[in-house]
Amino acid sequence: MLFTSEHEEVRRSLQKVIAAEINPHVDAWEAEGRFPAHDVFRKLGALGFLGLNKPIEYGGMGLDYSYALLMAEEVGGIQCGAVPMAIGVQTDMATPALARFGSDHVKREFLAPAVSGEQVACIGVSEPGAGSDVASIKTTARSDGDDYVITGGKMWITNGAQADWICLLANTGDGPAHRNKSLICVPMTEKGVTVARTLDKLGMRASDTAQIFFDEVRVPKRNRIGEEGKGFTYQMMQFQEERLWGAAACLKPAEWIIDQTIEYTRGRQAFGKSILDNQVVHFRLAELKTEVELLRSLIYRAAEQMMAGEDMTTLASMAKLKAGRLGREVSDACMQYWGGMGYMTETPVTRYYRDSRLTSIAGGADEVMLSIIAKAMGTLPGMSNRS
């Protein structure tokens, strides 16, 4: 069994924090276009939620991945997509490689304050010309004695306007694209780091998503995570946790919007009966609820595979693919049943419709997930057939 009574204690504690400290404020944060990341993260960090599976030596709880998965699922109970996404960047996108491969120095300087919530982290991979195609990034970190000098830019950076440091993927050599990159922790206060603008997005309105430029930014080489040239490999590993986190965080929002739709359609009358009484409606909602449970099973299986030390790349890609597509399916179907009210920004289904669309784009688009799955099946063009 994946979750025990100890897990349920963590779940209840997190639910209390979300109900008391986060959900009462999400409407205001959405209207403002950002949430107070430092305040929220300090509260979560003080309770241990930002380091459930991070090393004890750096302030973490030292628990296994199942606790991190539980948190990913439970933050989906936050009634907007932006805040869970920002939390996930801190816990499962900007810090896994740091926790796994970083030196003691770089862990103490960057991981420990991220776990405590004293500092906000972001992850710098995507660029205007290199989103899902990570190998083609142009940002460079040239060697200069004991330092790197970084030039380039990053795009669509969640937490970017409030972050204290960025886990940056940059080219540190001239070799093959998969072996010439490194992950480097860069303080956002360094000279030459510029947050050019915060981005106006369709959804995730409370997230301060930024475009960032690096102009001859000098950082010590000791800020590098692991070995030089291994950054692409580290980032691909980091992506698996990111994608599984992203899928798990989709479960509760889908369930919640289905429940909200049931409540609304039960009370909405048309032609002398409630909308919910129409078989096409209650059958469709039952089907969607079933799909959410199937996704949950796939996510749990992928997590168990990772905890067993096995390669979960294929299952995590399947989970990410299914989560994005199911979010689109649930949001579209439920919005239809809300009728005219479903098109109003004041209703929860509208926010979910806008927020959930990102899952099929960010962290590897659907098409990238399909390519990974096809590669595992041996069906990508140019691959020999496998029995």
Foldseek 3Di string as FASTA:
>chain_A
DLDDVVLVVVLVVVLVCLVPPAQVCVVVLLVVQADPQLVSLLVCLVVQNQAACFDVVLSHVVDDCSSVLSSLQSVLPRLFQQVSLQSCQLRQFFPPLCRVFADPVLCNVPVSCSSNSNFGEKEFQADPVDAQNRLPDAWAFEDDPQKTFIFDKGFFIWCVVPGQWYQHWHFHDDDHSQQRIWTFIGGCPFPQKDFPAFDDALASRRTRTTIITGDRGIDGPSRIGHDGRNHNVSNVVSLLRSLLSLLSSLLVNLVVLLVVLLVLQQPDDDPHHGNCPDCVNVVVSVVLNVLSVVLVVLSVVLSVCVSVVHDSLLSSLVSLLSSLVSLQVSLVSSLVSNPPVSPDPVDSSVNSNRSSNCSCPHSHHSVRSVVSNCVVCQNDPPGDHDD
